[in-house]
Amino acid sequence: MRIIHILNHIQEIGNGIVNVAVDLACLQAKSGHEVAVISSGGEYEILLKKYGVKHYELDQTRKPINMIKAAIGYRAIATKFQPDIVHAHMMTGVLLARIFQNRYALVSTVHNEFQRASLLMGLADRVIAVSQAVRDSMARRGIPENKLRVVCNGTLGSPRTQQIGDYQTLALQRPAIATVAGMYQRKGIAELIAAFEQIASDFPQVHLYLVGNGPDKQLFETQAQGTSVSERIHFEGFQPEPQRYLKSCDIFVLASHRDPCPLVLSEAREAGTAIVGTQVDGIPEALDNGQAGLLVPAKDSRALAGVLVQLLSDSNMLQEWKQRANQNLERLSVARVHQETLAVYGELKS
């Protein structure tokens, strides 16, 4: 097949949408398909070239004049490449691909279903949801059932990363609690800091590591500075190898308010750290519905603090959850995501 992936950029900044698209493009090209990516560019151009994936630069910034240029540019690329499948990962891409759709089939992947404009992804012939929770939400919002398919995210074996054993551990101050997340309110960073403050006096050796960048980082830094334990809260910024933190911490927390199917949970599971996640969207699915990680209500720092106390107070319990996180990893592989995505394409080209 001749496959185009279209997304806004391919920067190496920890963006899950970008990571999923890059993984698929590389594995599809490795399997012998002709693959191209349309984006404004980024660091992953080097990796795509290594796998034989063509890259076409296209600025899709949502400004009237620019969108006219993008439409002209997209049409020229599609005419030249002659795709069988166009796979859109972001909303601008699905609009461009739909407007100029001719003989190719259009597939979209819904990542951030909670955004109102995500309904536009329903313009595609097939709509891939990254978790059952996302699929059910899109169905409730009016996307026809016969269009919807579920391909749960998985990142293990990604061409973007090394084997987990190849990453060096870090000399974190232990016990260490960590999160790897964009610094956004919806990621629950405020609740994690509040929970840490609640338990810190009872566990004077514990430290909190917050890995990631984002628009609300300064807000969280101000919150941390207002606690009595600010010297034990570490803002690490974006890290190109977050696996080093996952391997080195004792407890990984993802306290999101909304999260469709976070890739970091499969990485945390592979690293064998105990995991605490919130009971929202695709997080329970990524944690085998509570078998691979402890689940707490979202926006509830007291409940989160309670679970952290249990894990820090009982070394046997902590060890058990580390082991449970590290089981049943096969379904979290990029190879499975690749095969299931090709099966969706096959429905449209058969």
C-alpha atoms as a PDB file:
ATOM      1  CA  MET A   1       0.000   0.000   0.000  1.00  0.00           C
ATOM      2  CA  ARG A   2       0.916   3.628  -0.432  1.00  0.00           C
ATOM      3  CA  ILE A   3       0.286   5.351   2.899  1.00  0.00           C
ATOM      4  CA  ILE A   4       0.430   8.998   3.953  1.00  0.00           C
ATOM      5  CA  HIS A   5       0.382  10.066   7.606  1.00  0.00           C
ATOM      6  CA  ILE A   6      -0.539  13.713   8.147  1.00  0.00           C
ATOM      7  CA  LEU A   7       0.011  15.569  11.406  1.00  0.00           C
ATOM      8  CA  ASN A   8       1.035  19.035  12.551  1.00  0.00           C
ATOM      9  CA  HIS A   9       4.694  18.328  13.398  1.00  0.00           C
ATOM     10  CA  ILE A  10       7.143  15.549  14.223  1.00  0.00           C
ATOM     11  CA  GLN A  11       9.096  17.211  17.000  1.00  0.00           C
ATOM     12  CA  GLU A  12      10.695  15.094  19.713  1.00  0.00           C
ATOM     13  CA  ILE A  13       8.921  16.741  22.649  1.00  0.00           C
ATOM     14  CA  GLY A  14       7.087  13.833  24.265  1.00  0.00           C
ATOM     15  CA  ASN A  15       3.875  14.325  22.279  1.00  0.00           C
ATOM     16  CA  GLY A  16       1.973  11.025  22.286  1.00  0.00           C
ATOM     17  CA  ILE A  17       0.155  11.722  19.015  1.00  0.00           C
ATOM     18  CA  VAL A  18       3.455  12.331  17.229  1.00  0.00           C
ATOM     19  CA  ASN A  19       5.029   9.252  18.786  1.00  0.00           C
ATOM     20  CA  VAL A  20       2.169   6.976  17.659  1.00  0.00           C
ATOM     21  CA  ALA A  21       2.305   8.310  14.092  1.00  0.00           C
ATOM     22  CA  VAL A  22       6.101   8.003  13.850  1.00  0.00           C
ATOM     23  CA  ASP A  23       6.006   4.430  15.186  1.00  0.00           C
ATOM     24  CA  LEU A  24       3.373   3.423  12.625  1.00  0.00           C
ATOM     25  CA  ALA A  25       5.160   5.085   9.716  1.00  0.00           C
ATOM     26  CA  CYS A  26       8.457   3.354  10.532  1.00  0.00           C
ATOM     27  CA  LEU A  27       6.944  -0.116  11.016  1.00  0.00           C
ATOM     28  CA  GLN A  28       4.806   0.184   7.886  1.00  0.00           C
ATOM     29  CA  ALA A  29       7.831   1.150   5.807  1.00  0.00           C
ATOM     30  CA  LYS A  30       9.835  -1.693   7.352  1.00  0.00           C
ATOM     31  CA  SER A  31       7.040  -4.069   6.263  1.00  0.00           C
ATOM     32  CA  GLY A  32       7.466  -3.011   2.653  1.00  0.00           C
ATOM     33  CA  HIS A  33       4.781  -0.356   2.224  1.00  0.00           C
ATOM     34  CA  GLU A  34       5.475   2.994   0.539  1.00  0.00           C
ATOM     35  CA  VAL A  35       5.061   5.511   3.354  1.00  0.00           C
ATOM     36  CA  ALA A  36       5.183   9.291   3.584  1.00  0.00           C
ATOM     37  CA  VAL A  37       4.626  11.761   6.402  1.00  0.00           C
ATOM     38  CA  ILE A  38       3.273  15.275   5.912  1.00  0.00           C
ATOM     39  CA  SER A  39       4.088  17.723   8.724  1.00  0.00           C
ATOM     40  CA  SER A  40       5.853  20.987   9.487  1.00  0.00           C
ATOM     41  CA  GLY A  41       8.916  18.918  10.396  1.00  0.00           C
ATOM     42  CA  GLY A  42      10.948  18.135  13.471  1.00  0.00           C
ATOM     43  CA  GLU A  43      13.674  15.972  14.951  1.00  0.00           C
ATOM     44  CA  TYR A  44      12.008  12.706  13.906  1.00  0.00           C
ATOM     45  CA  GLU A  45      12.769  13.452  10.235  1.00  0.00           C
ATOM     46  CA  ILE A  46      16.124  11.710  10.794  1.00  0.00           C
ATOM     47  CA  LEU A  47      14.485   8.518  12.087  1.00  0.00           C
ATOM     48  CA  LEU A  48      11.887   8.496   9.299  1.00  0.00           C
ATOM     49  CA  LYS A  49      14.609   8.829   6.674  1.00  0.00           C
ATOM     50  CA  LYS A  50      16.462   5.888   8.238  1.00  0.00           C
ATOM     51  CA  TYR A  51      13.354   3.722   7.723  1.00  0.00           C
ATOM     52  CA  GLY A  52      12.811   4.964   4.161  1.00  0.00           C
ATOM     53  CA  VAL A  53       9.797   7.151   4.972  1.00  0.00           C
ATOM     54  CA  LYS A  54       9.459  10.235   2.783  1.00  0.00           C
ATOM     55  CA  HIS A  55       8.782  13.525   4.555  1.00  0.00           C
ATOM     56  CA  TYR A  56       6.894  16.397   2.954  1.00  0.00           C
ATOM     57  CA  GLU A  57       7.025  19.693   4.805  1.00  0.00           C
ATOM     58  CA  LEU A  58       3.682  21.446   5.185  1.00  0.00           C
ATOM     59  CA  ASP A  59       2.865  24.234   7.640  1.00  0.00           C
ATOM     60  CA  GLN A  60      -0.723  23.702   8.842  1.00  0.00           C
ATOM     61  CA  THR A  61      -0.893  26.665  11.244  1.00  0.00           C
ATOM     62  CA  ARG A  62      -4.538  27.700  11.497  1.00  0.00           C
ATOM     63  CA  LYS A  63      -4.420  31.164   9.942  1.00  0.00           C
ATOM     64  CA  PRO A  64      -6.548  32.012   6.868  1.00  0.00           C
ATOM     65  CA  ILE A  65      -3.725  32.755   4.412  1.00  0.00           C
ATOM     66  CA  ASN A  66      -1.639  29.884   5.693  1.00  0.00           C
ATOM     67  CA  MET A  67      -4.519  27.415   5.393  1.00  0.00           C
ATOM     68  CA  ILE A  68      -4.960  28.362   1.743  1.00  0.00           C
ATOM     69  CA  LYS A  69      -1.257  27.657   1.175  1.00  0.00           C
ATOM     70  CA  ALA A  70      -1.558  24.397   3.118  1.00  0.00           C
ATOM     71  CA  ALA A  71      -4.519  23.294   0.990  1.00  0.00           C
ATOM     72  CA  ILE A  72      -2.612  23.969  -2.224  1.00  0.00           C
ATOM     73  CA  GLY A  73       0.467  22.231  -0.835  1.00  0.00           C
ATOM     74  CA  TYR A  74      -1.441  19.183   0.392  1.00  0.00           C
ATOM     75  CA  ARG A  75      -3.218  18.734  -2.927  1.00  0.00           C
ATOM     76  CA  ALA A  76       0.106  18.827  -4.782  1.00  0.00           C
ATOM     77  CA  ILE A  77       1.672  16.249  -2.432  1.00  0.00           C
ATOM     78  CA  ALA A  78      -1.312  13.887  -2.651  1.00  0.00           C
ATOM     79  CA  THR A  79      -1.369  14.175  -6.441  1.00  0.00           C
ATOM     80  CA  LYS A  80       2.343  13.361  -6.606  1.00  0.00           C
ATOM     81  CA  PHE A  81       2.365  10.509  -4.054  1.00  0.00           C
ATOM     82  CA  GLN A  82      -0.950   8.906  -5.106  1.00  0.00           C
ATOM     83  CA  PRO A  83      -1.769   7.313  -1.731  1.00  0.00           C
ATOM     84  CA  ASP A  84      -4.104   4.383  -1.167  1.00  0.00           C
ATOM     85  CA  ILE A  85      -4.569   5.415   2.469  1.00  0.00           C
ATOM     86  CA  VAL A  86      -4.288   8.821   4.133  1.00  0.00           C
ATOM     87  CA  HIS A  87      -4.087   8.516   7.912  1.00  0.00           C
ATOM     88  CA  ALA A  88      -4.809  11.789   9.722  1.00  0.00           C
ATOM     89  CA  HIS A  89      -3.759  12.159  13.345  1.00  0.00           C
ATOM     90  CA  MET A  90      -4.860  15.745  13.974  1.00  0.00           C
ATOM     91  CA  MET A  91      -7.891  17.825  13.047  1.00  0.00           C
ATOM     92  CA  THR A  92      -6.357  20.085  10.402  1.00  0.00           C
ATOM     93  CA  GLY A  93      -5.032  17.046   8.586  1.00  0.00           C
ATOM     94  CA  VAL A  94      -8.394  15.282   8.451  1.00  0.00           C
ATOM     95  CA  LEU A  95     -10.013  18.415   7.001  1.00  0.00           C
ATOM     96  CA  LEU A  96      -7.364  18.771   4.289  1.00  0.00           C
ATOM     97  CA  ALA A  97      -7.498  15.072   3.450  1.00  0.00           C
ATOM     98  CA  ARG A  98     -11.293  15.075   3.278  1.00  0.00           C
ATOM     99  CA  ILE A  99     -11.581  18.199   1.120  1.00  0.00           C
ATOM    100  CA  PHE A 100      -9.232  16.771  -1.505  1.00  0.00           C
ATOM    101  CA  GLN A 101     -10.153  13.105  -1.127  1.00  0.00           C
ATOM    102  CA  ASN A 102     -10.338  11.299  -4.449  1.00  0.00           C
ATOM    103  CA  ARG A 103      -9.450   7.650  -4.847  1.00  0.00           C
ATOM    104  CA  TYR A 104      -7.777   7.108  -1.481  1.00  0.00           C
ATOM    105  CA  ALA A 105      -9.432   5.952   1.745  1.00  0.00           C
ATOM    106  CA  LEU A 106      -9.240   8.255   4.750  1.00  0.00           C
ATOM    107  CA  VAL A 107      -8.475   6.991   8.258  1.00  0.00           C
ATOM    108  CA  SER A 108      -8.276   9.135  11.388  1.00  0.00           C
ATOM    109  CA  THR A 109      -7.029   8.361  14.878  1.00  0.00           C
ATOM    110  CA  VAL A 110      -8.788  10.044  17.787  1.00  0.00           C
ATOM    111  CA  HIS A 111      -6.310  10.747  20.544  1.00  0.00           C
ATOM    112  CA  ASN A 112      -7.647  13.698  22.574  1.00  0.00           C
ATOM    113  CA  GLU A 113     -11.349  12.881  22.372  1.00  0.00           C
ATOM    114  CA  PHE A 114     -12.150  15.400  25.137  1.00  0.00           C
ATOM    115  CA  GLN A 115     -11.485  18.294  22.741  1.00  0.00           C
ATOM    116  CA  ARG A 116     -14.779  19.483  21.233  1.00  0.00           C
ATOM    117  CA  ALA A 117     -13.316  19.712  17.740  1.00  0.00           C
ATOM    118  CA  SER A 118     -12.343  16.018  17.849  1.00  0.00           C
ATOM    119  CA  LEU A 119     -15.743  15.307  16.276  1.00  0.00           C
ATOM    120  CA  LEU A 120     -14.158  16.438  13.008  1.00  0.00           C
ATOM    121  CA  MET A 121     -12.158  13.195  13.056  1.00  0.00           C
ATOM    122  CA  GLY A 122     -15.463  11.511  12.239  1.00  0.00           C
ATOM    123  CA  LEU A 123     -15.157  12.837   8.666  1.00  0.00           C
ATOM    124  CA  ALA A 124     -12.869   9.893   7.924  1.00  0.00           C
ATOM    125  CA  ASP A 125     -14.017   6.574   6.432  1.00  0.00           C
ATOM    126  CA  ARG A 126     -12.689   4.769   9.511  1.00  0.00           C
ATOM    127  CA  VAL A 127     -12.101   6.322  12.927  1.00  0.00           C
ATOM    128  CA  ILE A 128      -9.555   4.616  15.167  1.00  0.00           C
ATOM    129  CA  ALA A 129     -10.020   5.162  18.909  1.00  0.00           C
ATOM    130  CA  VAL A 130      -6.947   4.618  21.077  1.00  0.00           C
ATOM    131  CA  SER A 131      -8.991   2.975  23.865  1.00  0.00           C
ATOM    132  CA  GLN A 132     -12.424   1.488  24.391  1.00  0.00           C
ATOM    133  CA  ALA A 133     -13.270   4.510  26.559  1.00  0.00           C
ATOM    134  CA  VAL A 134     -12.505   6.858  23.656  1.00  0.00           C
ATOM    135  CA  ARG A 135     -14.537   4.690  21.279  1.00  0.00           C
ATOM    136  CA  ASP A 136     -17.565   4.736  23.589  1.00  0.00           C
ATOM    137  CA  SER A 137     -17.323   8.502  24.036  1.00  0.00           C
ATOM    138  CA  MET A 138     -17.119   9.120  20.272  1.00  0.00           C
ATOM    139  CA  ALA A 139     -20.134   6.840  19.724  1.00  0.00           C
ATOM    140  CA  ARG A 140     -22.127   8.802  22.321  1.00  0.00           C
ATOM    141  CA  ARG A 141     -21.175  11.993  20.496  1.00  0.00           C
ATOM    142  CA  GLY A 142     -22.616  10.741  17.230  1.00  0.00           C
ATOM    143  CA  ILE A 143     -19.826   9.036  15.273  1.00  0.00           C
ATOM    144  CA  PRO A 144     -21.464   6.077  13.470  1.00  0.00           C
ATOM    145  CA  GLU A 145     -20.677   2.720  15.082  1.00  0.00           C
ATOM    146  CA  ASN A 146     -19.751   1.176  11.728  1.00  0.00           C
ATOM    147  CA  LYS A 147     -16.890   3.677  11.355  1.00  0.00           C
ATOM    148  CA  LEU A 148     -15.347   3.156  14.784  1.00  0.00           C
ATOM    149  CA  ARG A 149     -12.487   0.753  15.493  1.00  0.00           C
ATOM    150  CA  VAL A 150     -10.376   0.363  18.647  1.00  0.00           C
ATOM    151  CA  VAL A 151      -6.587   0.095  18.432  1.00  0.00           C
ATOM    152  CA  CYS A 152      -5.254   0.562  21.950  1.00  0.00           C
ATOM    153  CA  ASN A 153      -1.968   2.407  22.226  1.00  0.00           C
ATOM    154  CA  GLY A 154       1.236   0.488  22.827  1.00  0.00           C
ATOM    155  CA  THR A 155       4.812   1.651  22.651  1.00  0.00           C
ATOM    156  CA  LEU A 156       7.046  -1.278  23.582  1.00  0.00           C
ATOM    157  CA  GLY A 157       9.569  -2.092  20.888  1.00  0.00           C
ATOM    158  CA  SER A 158       9.233   1.373  19.384  1.00  0.00           C
ATOM    159  CA  PRO A 159      11.822   2.376  16.766  1.00  0.00           C
ATOM    160  CA  ARG A 160      12.147   5.643  18.724  1.00  0.00           C
ATOM    161  CA  THR A 161      13.549   3.973  21.832  1.00  0.00           C
ATOM    162  CA  GLN A 162      16.192   1.532  23.053  1.00  0.00           C
ATOM    163  CA  GLN A 163      15.602  -1.704  24.928  1.00  0.00           C
ATOM    164  CA  ILE A 164      14.664  -0.858  28.523  1.00  0.00           C
ATOM    165  CA  GLY A 165      17.813  -2.590  29.781  1.00  0.00           C
ATOM    166  CA  ASP A 166      20.002  -0.245  27.748  1.00  0.00           C
ATOM    167  CA  TYR A 167      18.927   2.892  29.637  1.00  0.00           C
ATOM    168  CA  GLN A 168      21.154   4.013  32.482  1.00  0.00           C
ATOM    169  CA  THR A 169      19.539   4.450  35.882  1.00  0.00           C
ATOM    170  CA  LEU A 170      19.696   7.761  37.724  1.00  0.00           C
ATOM    171  CA  ALA A 171      20.876   8.478  41.255  1.00  0.00           C
ATOM    172  CA  LEU A 172      17.504   9.738  42.468  1.00  0.00           C
ATOM    173  CA  GLN A 173      16.961  10.391  46.147  1.00  0.00           C
ATOM    174  CA  ARG A 174      14.938   7.420  47.371  1.00  0.00           C
ATOM    175  CA  PRO A 175      12.243   6.539  47.911  1.00  0.00           C
ATOM    176  CA  ALA A 176      11.368   8.400  44.725  1.00  0.00           C
ATOM    177  CA  ILE A 177       7.910   9.183  43.390  1.00  0.00           C
ATOM    178  CA  ALA A 178       7.846  10.341  39.762  1.00  0.00           C
ATOM    179  CA  THR A 179       5.537  11.387  36.992  1.00  0.00           C
ATOM    180  CA  VAL A 180       6.294  11.898  33.312  1.00  0.00           C
ATOM    181  CA  ALA A 181       3.669  14.198  31.829  1.00  0.00           C
ATOM    182  CA  GLY A 182       3.061  17.441  30.028  1.00  0.00           C
ATOM    183  CA  MET A 183       2.769  20.283  32.517  1.00  0.00           C
ATOM    184  CA  TYR A 184      -0.963  20.830  31.984  1.00  0.00           C
ATOM    185  CA  GLN A 185      -3.725  21.173  34.567  1.00  0.00           C
ATOM    186  CA  ARG A 186      -5.505  18.124  33.097  1.00  0.00           C
ATOM    187  CA  LYS A 187      -2.499  15.935  33.969  1.00  0.00           C
ATOM    188  CA  GLY A 188      -3.284  16.301  37.678  1.00  0.00           C
ATOM    189  CA  ILE A 189       0.108  17.723  38.654  1.00  0.00           C
ATOM    190  CA  ALA A 190      -1.545  20.014  41.231  1.00  0.00           C
ATOM    191  CA  GLU A 191      -3.169  17.029  42.967  1.00  0.00           C
ATOM    192  CA  LEU A 192       0.095  15.091  42.924  1.00  0.00           C
ATOM    193  CA  ILE A 193       1.956  17.973  44.593  1.00  0.00           C
ATOM    194  CA  ALA A 194      -0.860  18.311  47.154  1.00  0.00           C
ATOM    195  CA  ALA A 195      -0.777  14.567  47.886  1.00  0.00           C
ATOM    196  CA  PHE A 196       2.995  14.671  48.284  1.00  0.00           C
ATOM    197  CA  GLU A 197       2.723  17.546  50.746  1.00  0.00           C
ATOM    198  CA  GLN A 198       0.200  15.533  52.783  1.00  0.00           C
ATOM    199  CA  ILE A 199       2.538  12.538  53.181  1.00  0.00           C
ATOM    200  CA  ALA A 200       5.959  14.204  53.194  1.00  0.00           C
ATOM    201  CA  SER A 201       6.220  14.768  56.963  1.00  0.00           C
ATOM    202  CA  ASP A 202       5.554  11.076  57.664  1.00  0.00           C
ATOM    203  CA  PHE A 203       8.175   9.979  55.118  1.00  0.00           C
ATOM    204  CA  PRO A 204      11.095  12.425  55.465  1.00  0.00           C
ATOM    205  CA  GLN A 205      13.260  10.560  52.932  1.00  0.00           C
ATOM    206  CA  VAL A 206      10.765  10.581  50.027  1.00  0.00           C
ATOM    207  CA  HIS A 207      11.269  12.893  47.028  1.00  0.00           C
ATOM    208  CA  LEU A 208       8.997  13.840  44.114  1.00  0.00           C
ATOM    209  CA  TYR A 209      10.268  14.154  40.529  1.00  0.00           C
ATOM    210  CA  LEU A 210       8.129  15.922  37.935  1.00  0.00           C
ATOM    211  CA  VAL A 211       9.385  15.230  34.409  1.00  0.00           C
ATOM    212  CA  GLY A 212       7.988  17.287  31.527  1.00  0.00           C
ATOM    213  CA  ASN A 213       7.335  20.755  30.185  1.00  0.00           C
ATOM    214  CA  GLY A 214       4.156  22.626  29.388  1.00  0.00           C
ATOM    215  CA  PRO A 215       2.241  25.899  29.703  1.00  0.00           C
ATOM    216  CA  ASP A 216       1.211  25.387  33.354  1.00  0.00           C
ATOM    217  CA  LYS A 217       4.668  24.521  34.682  1.00  0.00           C
ATOM    218  CA  GLN A 218       5.166  27.890  36.386  1.00  0.00           C
ATOM    219  CA  LEU A 219       1.821  27.509  38.144  1.00  0.00           C
ATOM    220  CA  PHE A 220       2.943  24.164  39.574  1.00  0.00           C
ATOM    221  CA  GLU A 221       6.345  25.547  40.524  1.00  0.00           C
ATOM    222  CA  THR A 222       4.616  28.321  42.476  1.00  0.00           C
ATOM    223  CA  GLN A 223       2.404  25.734  44.195  1.00  0.00           C
ATOM    224  CA  ALA A 224       5.456  23.650  45.129  1.00  0.00           C
ATOM    225  CA  GLN A 225       7.324  26.678  46.472  1.00  0.00           C
ATOM    226  CA  GLY A 226       4.361  27.357  48.761  1.00  0.00           C
ATOM    227  CA  THR A 227       4.727  23.980  50.472  1.00  0.00           C
ATOM    228  CA  SER A 228       6.959  23.255  53.445  1.00  0.00           C
ATOM    229  CA  VAL A 229       8.756  20.545  51.446  1.00  0.00           C
ATOM    230  CA  SER A 230       9.650  22.451  48.272  1.00  0.00           C
ATOM    231  CA  GLU A 231      13.281  21.292  48.454  1.00  0.00           C
ATOM    232  CA  ARG A 232      12.052  17.716  47.953  1.00  0.00           C
ATOM    233  CA  ILE A 233       9.982  18.506  44.827  1.00  0.00           C
ATOM    234  CA  HIS A 234      12.129  18.440  41.682  1.00  0.00           C
ATOM    235  CA  PHE A 235      11.029  19.887  38.329  1.00  0.00           C
ATOM    236  CA  GLU A 236      13.156  18.052  35.785  1.00  0.00           C
ATOM    237  CA  GLY A 237      11.786  19.576  32.561  1.00  0.00           C
ATOM    238  CA  PHE A 238      11.470  17.634  29.311  1.00  0.00           C
ATOM    239  CA  GLN A 239      13.730  14.580  29.183  1.00  0.00           C
ATOM    240  CA  PRO A 240      14.412  12.773  25.877  1.00  0.00           C
ATOM    241  CA  GLU A 241      14.972   9.546  27.835  1.00  0.00           C
ATOM    242  CA  PRO A 242      12.196   9.448  30.477  1.00  0.00           C
ATOM    243  CA  GLN A 243      12.827   5.702  30.794  1.00  0.00           C
ATOM    244  CA  ARG A 244      15.798   6.575  33.013  1.00  0.00           C
ATOM    245  CA  TYR A 245      13.389   8.076  35.565  1.00  0.00           C
ATOM    246  CA  LEU A 246      10.941   5.204  35.198  1.00  0.00           C
ATOM    247  CA  LYS A 247      13.710   2.669  35.909  1.00  0.00           C
ATOM    248  CA  SER A 248      15.017   4.657  38.866  1.00  0.00           C
ATOM    249  CA  CYS A 249      11.851   5.603  40.773  1.00  0.00           C
ATOM    250  CA  ASP A 250       9.909   3.494  43.278  1.00  0.00           C
ATOM    251  CA  ILE A 251       6.411   4.710  42.423  1.00  0.00           C
ATOM    252  CA  PHE A 252       5.127   6.202  39.172  1.00  0.00           C
ATOM    253  CA  VAL A 253       1.991   8.351  39.363  1.00  0.00           C
ATOM    254  CA  LEU A 254      -0.269   9.519  36.555  1.00  0.00           C
ATOM    255  CA  ALA A 255      -2.953  11.677  38.189  1.00  0.00           C
ATOM    256  CA  SER A 256      -4.687  12.871  34.992  1.00  0.00           C
ATOM    257  CA  HIS A 257      -8.194  14.336  34.918  1.00  0.00           C
ATOM    258  CA  ARG A 258      -8.530  13.202  31.280  1.00  0.00           C
ATOM    259  CA  ASP A 259      -6.226  10.871  29.348  1.00  0.00           C
ATOM    260  CA  PRO A 260      -7.281   8.788  26.322  1.00  0.00           C
ATOM    261  CA  CYS A 261      -4.602   6.049  26.506  1.00  0.00           C
ATOM    262  CA  PRO A 262      -1.243   7.399  27.734  1.00  0.00           C
ATOM    263  CA  LEU A 263       1.850   5.828  26.189  1.00  0.00           C
ATOM    264  CA  VAL A 264       3.880   6.457  29.323  1.00  0.00           C
ATOM    265  CA  LEU A 265       1.970   3.764  31.206  1.00  0.00           C
ATOM    266  CA  SER A 266       3.267   1.009  28.940  1.00  0.00           C
ATOM    267  CA  GLU A 267       6.779   2.417  29.404  1.00  0.00           C
ATOM    268  CA  ALA A 268       6.348   2.552  33.193  1.00  0.00           C
ATOM    269  CA  ARG A 269       5.089  -1.026  33.199  1.00  0.00           C
ATOM    270  CA  GLU A 270       8.072  -2.211  31.176  1.00  0.00           C
ATOM    271  CA  ALA A 271      10.400  -0.430  33.624  1.00  0.00           C
ATOM    272  CA  GLY A 272       8.844  -2.407  36.485  1.00  0.00           C
ATOM    273  CA  THR A 273       7.881   0.447  38.791  1.00  0.00           C
ATOM    274  CA  ALA A 274       4.792   0.405  40.996  1.00  0.00           C
ATOM    275  CA  ILE A 275       2.081   2.489  39.300  1.00  0.00           C
ATOM    276  CA  VAL A 276      -0.767   4.638  40.594  1.00  0.00           C
ATOM    277  CA  GLY A 277      -3.204   6.033  38.027  1.00  0.00           C
ATOM    278  CA  THR A 278      -6.552   7.771  38.031  1.00  0.00           C
ATOM    279  CA  GLN A 279      -9.749   6.002  37.115  1.00  0.00           C
ATOM    280  CA  VAL A 280     -10.479   8.002  33.953  1.00  0.00           C
ATOM    281  CA  ASP A 281     -10.694   7.382  30.198  1.00  0.00           C
ATOM    282  CA  GLY A 282      -8.123   4.864  28.939  1.00  0.00           C
ATOM    283  CA  ILE A 283      -5.946   4.712  32.068  1.00  0.00           C
ATOM    284  CA  PRO A 284      -7.715   1.671  33.603  1.00  0.00           C
ATOM    285  CA  GLU A 285      -7.418  -0.187  30.260  1.00  0.00           C
ATOM    286  CA  ALA A 286      -3.679   0.566  30.095  1.00  0.00           C
ATOM    287  CA  LEU A 287      -3.361  -0.870  33.618  1.00  0.00           C
ATOM    288  CA  ASP A 288      -5.352  -4.047  32.902  1.00  0.00           C
ATOM    289  CA  ASN A 289      -8.323  -2.608  34.801  1.00  0.00           C
ATOM    290  CA  GLY A 290      -6.419  -2.337  38.046  1.00  0.00           C
ATOM    291  CA  GLN A 291      -4.436  -5.570  37.784  1.00  0.00           C
ATOM    292  CA  ALA A 292      -1.200  -3.803  36.799  1.00  0.00           C
ATOM    293  CA  GLY A 293      -1.564  -0.609  38.798  1.00  0.00           C
ATOM    294  CA  LEU A 294      -3.533   0.956  41.618  1.00  0.00           C
ATOM    295  CA  LEU A 295      -6.448   3.178  40.581  1.00  0.00           C
ATOM    296  CA  VAL A 296      -7.714   6.239  42.459  1.00  0.00           C
ATOM    297  CA  PRO A 297     -10.424   8.814  41.688  1.00  0.00           C
ATOM    298  CA  ALA A 298      -9.308  11.839  39.651  1.00  0.00           C
ATOM    299  CA  LYS A 299      -8.966  15.258  41.320  1.00  0.00           C
ATOM    300  CA  ASP A 300      -8.744  13.625  44.757  1.00  0.00           C
ATOM    301  CA  SER A 301      -5.399  14.349  46.415  1.00  0.00           C
ATOM    302  CA  ARG A 302      -6.484  12.673  49.676  1.00  0.00           C
ATOM    303  CA  ALA A 303      -7.216   9.372  47.954  1.00  0.00           C
ATOM    304  CA  LEU A 304      -3.899   9.602  46.093  1.00  0.00           C
ATOM    305  CA  ALA A 305      -2.051  10.375  49.333  1.00  0.00           C
ATOM    306  CA  GLY A 306      -3.699   7.371  50.988  1.00  0.00           C
ATOM    307  CA  VAL A 307      -2.433   4.959  48.331  1.00  0.00           C
ATOM    308  CA  LEU A 308       1.060   6.462  48.428  1.00  0.00           C
ATOM    309  CA  VAL A 309       1.135   5.963  52.208  1.00  0.00           C
ATOM    310  CA  GLN A 310       0.200   2.294  51.761  1.00  0.00           C
ATOM    311  CA  LEU A 311       2.957   1.690  49.223  1.00  0.00           C
ATOM    312  CA  LEU A 312       5.624   3.565  51.174  1.00  0.00           C
ATOM    313  CA  SER A 313       4.678   1.857  54.446  1.00  0.00           C
ATOM    314  CA  ASP A 314       4.730  -1.722  53.165  1.00  0.00           C
ATOM    315  CA  SER A 315       7.772  -2.906  51.222  1.00  0.00           C
ATOM    316  CA  ASN A 316       6.073  -6.200  50.348  1.00  0.00           C
ATOM    317  CA  MET A 317       3.081  -4.394  48.865  1.00  0.00           C
ATOM    318  CA  LEU A 318       5.402  -2.088  46.915  1.00  0.00           C
ATOM    319  CA  GLN A 319       7.315  -5.055  45.521  1.00  0.00           C
ATOM    320  CA  GLU A 320       4.109  -6.862  44.587  1.00  0.00           C
ATOM    321  CA  TRP A 321       2.861  -3.890  42.543  1.00  0.00           C
ATOM    322  CA  LYS A 322       6.215  -3.575  40.816  1.00  0.00           C
ATOM    323  CA  GLN A 323       5.895  -7.198  39.724  1.00  0.00           C
ATOM    324  CA  ARG A 324       2.265  -6.801  38.675  1.00  0.00           C
ATOM    325  CA  ALA A 325       3.115  -3.793  36.515  1.00  0.00           C
ATOM    326  CA  ASN A 326       5.692  -5.852  34.657  1.00  0.00           C
ATOM    327  CA  GLN A 327       3.327  -8.684  33.630  1.00  0.00           C
ATOM    328  CA  ASN A 328       1.175  -9.126  30.491  1.00  0.00           C
ATOM    329  CA  LEU A 329       3.275  -6.715  28.435  1.00  0.00           C
ATOM    330  CA  GLU A 330       2.778  -8.411  25.044  1.00  0.00           C
ATOM    331  CA  ARG A 331      -0.341  -6.432  24.165  1.00  0.00           C
ATOM    332  CA  LEU A 332       1.496  -3.138  24.758  1.00  0.00           C
ATOM    333  CA  SER A 333       3.825  -3.602  21.772  1.00  0.00           C
ATOM    334  CA  VAL A 334       4.041  -1.350  18.725  1.00  0.00           C
ATOM    335  CA  ALA A 335       4.005  -4.524  16.601  1.00  0.00           C
ATOM    336  CA  ARG A 336       0.430  -5.220  17.739  1.00  0.00           C
ATOM    337  CA  VAL A 337      -0.609  -1.596  17.062  1.00  0.00           C
ATOM    338  CA  HIS A 338       0.965  -1.857  13.602  1.00  0.00           C
ATOM    339  CA  GLN A 339      -0.858  -5.084  12.709  1.00  0.00           C
ATOM    340  CA  GLU A 340      -4.244  -3.893  13.991  1.00  0.00           C
ATOM    341  CA  THR A 341      -3.891  -0.603  12.101  1.00  0.00           C
ATOM    342  CA  LEU A 342      -3.077  -2.444   8.867  1.00  0.00           C
ATOM    343  CA  ALA A 343      -6.211  -4.537   9.437  1.00  0.00           C
ATOM    344  CA  VAL A 344      -8.287  -1.326   9.522  1.00  0.00           C
ATOM    345  CA  TYR A 345      -6.661  -0.188   6.277  1.00  0.00           C
ATOM    346  CA  GLY A 346      -7.413  -3.606   4.785  1.00  0.00           C
ATOM    347  CA  GLU A 347     -11.143  -3.174   5.399  1.00  0.00           C
ATOM    348  CA  LEU A 348     -11.117  -0.115   3.171  1.00  0.00           C
ATOM    349  CA  LYS A 349      -8.901  -1.509   0.386  1.00  0.00           C
ATOM    350  CA  SER A 350     -10.422  -5.009   0.095  1.00  0.00           C
END
